[in-house]
Structure formats: C-alpha cells, structure tokens
Amino acid sequence: MNTIQIKELLHKRSLKATKTRINVLNKMQNHGSAMSYSAIQKQMKQTDRVTLYRTIESLKEKGVIHKAFQDNNETYYAICDNNCDAEKHHHEHLHFKCIKCKNITCEDVNEAIKISIPNFVINKVSVNVEGLCLKCV
C-alpha cells in the first residue's frame, strides 16, 4: 500500500489523512507483520505518546487496524483487510506467533472456526497460535 492508497483508505473510513496516521500505516505496512505498540512508538519517536495512542485508537475504531496479539504486556497491531469498517471487524483468520523469530502474522484458515456455548451469545472469537514459521522450521 502506497501513500495514495493509505490516504484513500483513511478517507473511505471518514478519517483525515494526517501525517501521523499516514506514517503509522506506512511503518506497519513496511514491517510486514503485526507490529507491537512499543515498536510503533520507537519508529514514531518524533510523535508524542498521547498523539500516538489516540492515532492507534482512531485507526482501530474505524476498522483500519486491529489488535492482533497480546503477549507479555505488549499489544500487537495489524492492518485490516478492506472488508472491515467502523461497525465491525470481519476477520476470518488466526494470529500466528513464531516462537523463534517472534513475528506475528494474520493467517487465513481453510475452514471457518465455529464455536458455540450453550446459553451464551458469542460476538467475537480470537484465536492465537504459537509455533515455528516456515522461515524458522
């Protein structure tokens, strides 16, 4: 995704294409996998932490990024597919963390994961899987 595509995505989600939003999405795109909040913060050292926090929250609320993984008090974020929006995230994938290289990726599944619990209504299922990625096997 280039800068023009990022701007279009932000406008489509009713967000202003601010320098900070564009930079965060560029950094995440270039990273190539889910990116931890601390890694984003390190890459965005010119941006104060409150602005960065608000930027990430607005991108999450509008369906531009999603929380992909949480591990050791660290939250990882990934860019959403085009079918997510402010109303609902549409993720039919799981989050895979390589225990060797520590990369976290969103992986499509061959079959939808269906879970039901008697007397409960499930709105969201999040699946985290750990193992070795193809590069580290």
Protein backbone atom coordinates (compact mmCIF):
# COMPACT_ATOMS: atom_id res chain seq x y z
CA MET A 1 0.00 0.00 0.00
CA ASN A 2 1.50 3.33 -1.03
CA THR A 3 0.77 6.77 0.43
CA ILE A 4 -2.01 7.50 -2.07
CA GLN A 5 -3.73 4.20 -1.19
CA ILE A 6 -3.35 4.93 2.52
CA LYS A 7 -4.95 8.36 2.05
CA GLU A 8 -7.84 6.78 0.11
CA LEU A 9 -8.32 4.18 2.84
CA LEU A 10 -8.41 6.85 5.54
CA HIS A 11 -10.91 8.96 3.59
CA LYS A 12 -13.07 5.87 2.97
CA ARG A 13 -13.16 5.33 6.76
CA SER A 14 -14.04 9.03 7.35
CA LEU A 15 -10.64 9.85 8.83
CA LYS A 16 -8.44 12.79 7.92
CA ALA A 17 -5.20 11.75 6.28
CA THR A 18 -2.96 13.28 8.93
CA LYS A 19 0.80 12.96 8.77
CA THR A 20 0.81 10.78 11.91
CA ARG A 21 -1.86 8.37 10.59
CA ILE A 22 -0.08 8.04 7.26
CA ASN A 23 3.29 7.47 8.97
CA VAL A 24 1.90 4.84 11.35
CA LEU A 25 0.29 2.91 8.49
CA ASN A 26 3.44 3.20 6.35
CA LYS A 27 5.56 1.83 9.21
CA MET A 28 3.12 -1.02 9.81
CA GLN A 29 2.95 -1.83 6.10
CA ASN A 30 6.74 -1.85 5.76
CA HIS A 31 7.12 -4.04 8.86
CA GLY A 32 5.34 -6.85 7.02
CA SER A 33 3.72 -8.47 10.06
CA ALA A 34 1.82 -7.41 13.16
CA MET A 35 3.74 -4.68 14.93
CA SER A 36 3.98 -4.15 18.67
CA TYR A 37 2.94 -0.85 20.21
CA SER A 38 6.49 -0.33 21.52
CA ALA A 39 7.94 -0.94 18.04
CA ILE A 40 5.49 1.55 16.54
CA GLN A 41 6.39 4.03 19.28
CA LYS A 42 10.12 3.54 18.60
CA GLN A 43 9.60 4.12 14.85
CA MET A 44 7.48 7.21 15.57
CA LYS A 45 9.90 8.82 18.04
CA GLN A 46 9.01 12.32 16.77
CA THR A 47 5.38 11.79 17.86
CA ASP A 48 4.37 12.26 21.49
CA ARG A 49 2.83 9.22 23.17
CA VAL A 50 -0.65 10.73 23.64
CA THR A 51 -0.94 11.56 19.93
CA LEU A 52 0.29 8.09 19.01
CA TYR A 53 -2.16 6.42 21.40
CA ARG A 54 -5.08 8.47 20.02
CA THR A 55 -3.98 7.72 16.45
CA ILE A 56 -3.92 3.97 17.06
CA GLU A 57 -7.29 4.10 18.83
CA SER A 58 -8.92 6.03 15.96
CA LEU A 59 -7.47 3.62 13.38
CA LYS A 60 -8.81 0.71 15.44
CA GLU A 61 -12.26 2.25 15.89
CA LYS A 62 -12.64 2.90 12.15
CA GLY A 63 -11.61 -0.63 11.09
CA VAL A 64 -8.23 0.30 9.62
CA ILE A 65 -6.14 -1.76 12.07
CA HIS A 66 -6.94 -4.43 14.64
CA LYS A 67 -5.38 -5.83 17.77
CA ALA A 68 -3.69 -8.98 16.51
CA PHE A 69 -2.00 -10.37 19.60
CA GLN A 70 -1.26 -9.63 23.22
CA ASP A 71 1.76 -11.16 24.91
CA ASN A 72 3.87 -10.17 27.93
CA ASN A 73 2.03 -6.86 28.42
CA GLU A 74 2.67 -5.97 24.78
CA THR A 75 -0.10 -5.38 22.25
CA TYR A 76 0.49 -6.10 18.57
CA TYR A 77 -1.49 -4.41 15.77
CA ALA A 78 -2.05 -5.40 12.14
CA ILE A 79 -3.63 -3.63 9.19
CA CYS A 80 -7.18 -4.84 8.46
CA ASP A 81 -8.43 -6.16 5.15
CA ASN A 82 -10.69 -3.94 3.03
CA ASN A 83 -13.84 -5.63 4.35
CA CYS A 84 -13.51 -4.23 7.89
CA ASP A 85 -15.21 -0.99 8.85
CA ALA A 86 -16.15 1.14 11.84
CA GLU A 87 -19.16 -1.07 12.59
CA LYS A 88 -17.46 -4.45 12.58
CA HIS A 89 -14.14 -6.15 12.01
CA HIS A 90 -14.53 -9.10 9.63
CA HIS A 91 -11.61 -11.38 10.37
CA GLU A 92 -11.73 -14.99 9.32
CA HIS A 93 -8.14 -15.65 10.31
CA LEU A 94 -5.99 -16.56 13.25
CA HIS A 95 -2.91 -14.87 14.66
CA PHE A 96 0.29 -16.90 14.50
CA LYS A 97 3.36 -16.08 16.59
CA CYS A 98 6.66 -17.72 15.72
CA ILE A 99 8.38 -18.72 18.95
CA LYS A 100 11.82 -18.31 17.34
CA CYS A 101 11.75 -15.09 15.26
CA LYS A 102 8.84 -13.59 17.28
CA ASN A 103 6.98 -12.41 14.12
CA ILE A 104 3.20 -12.33 14.42
CA THR A 105 1.17 -12.78 11.26
CA CYS A 106 -2.50 -12.98 10.35
CA GLU A 107 -3.11 -16.33 8.69
CA ASP A 108 -6.19 -17.39 6.77
CA VAL A 109 -7.79 -20.66 7.79
CA ASN A 110 -9.12 -23.30 5.41
CA GLU A 111 -12.36 -23.66 7.36
CA ALA A 112 -14.18 -21.12 9.48
CA ILE A 113 -13.76 -21.62 13.20
CA LYS A 114 -17.19 -22.15 14.71
CA ILE A 115 -17.70 -22.15 18.45
CA SER A 116 -20.95 -22.28 20.37
CA ILE A 117 -21.54 -22.22 24.11
CA PRO A 118 -24.99 -23.14 25.43
CA ASN A 119 -26.87 -20.14 26.85
CA PHE A 120 -24.32 -17.61 25.53
CA VAL A 121 -24.22 -15.34 22.50
CA ILE A 122 -20.72 -15.07 21.03
CA ASN A 123 -19.89 -11.84 19.23
CA LYS A 124 -16.20 -12.37 18.60
CA VAL A 125 -13.69 -15.21 18.60
CA SER A 126 -9.97 -14.52 18.64
CA VAL A 127 -7.51 -17.35 18.05
CA ASN A 128 -3.80 -17.08 18.83
CA VAL A 129 -1.47 -19.87 17.75
CA GLU A 130 2.24 -20.24 18.56
CA GLY A 131 4.81 -22.40 16.80
CA LEU A 132 7.52 -22.15 14.16
CA CYS A 133 7.03 -20.22 10.92
CA LEU A 134 8.28 -21.55 7.58
CA LYS A 135 11.46 -19.45 7.79
CA CYS A 136 12.38 -20.87 11.20
CA VAL A 137 11.49 -24.56 10.74
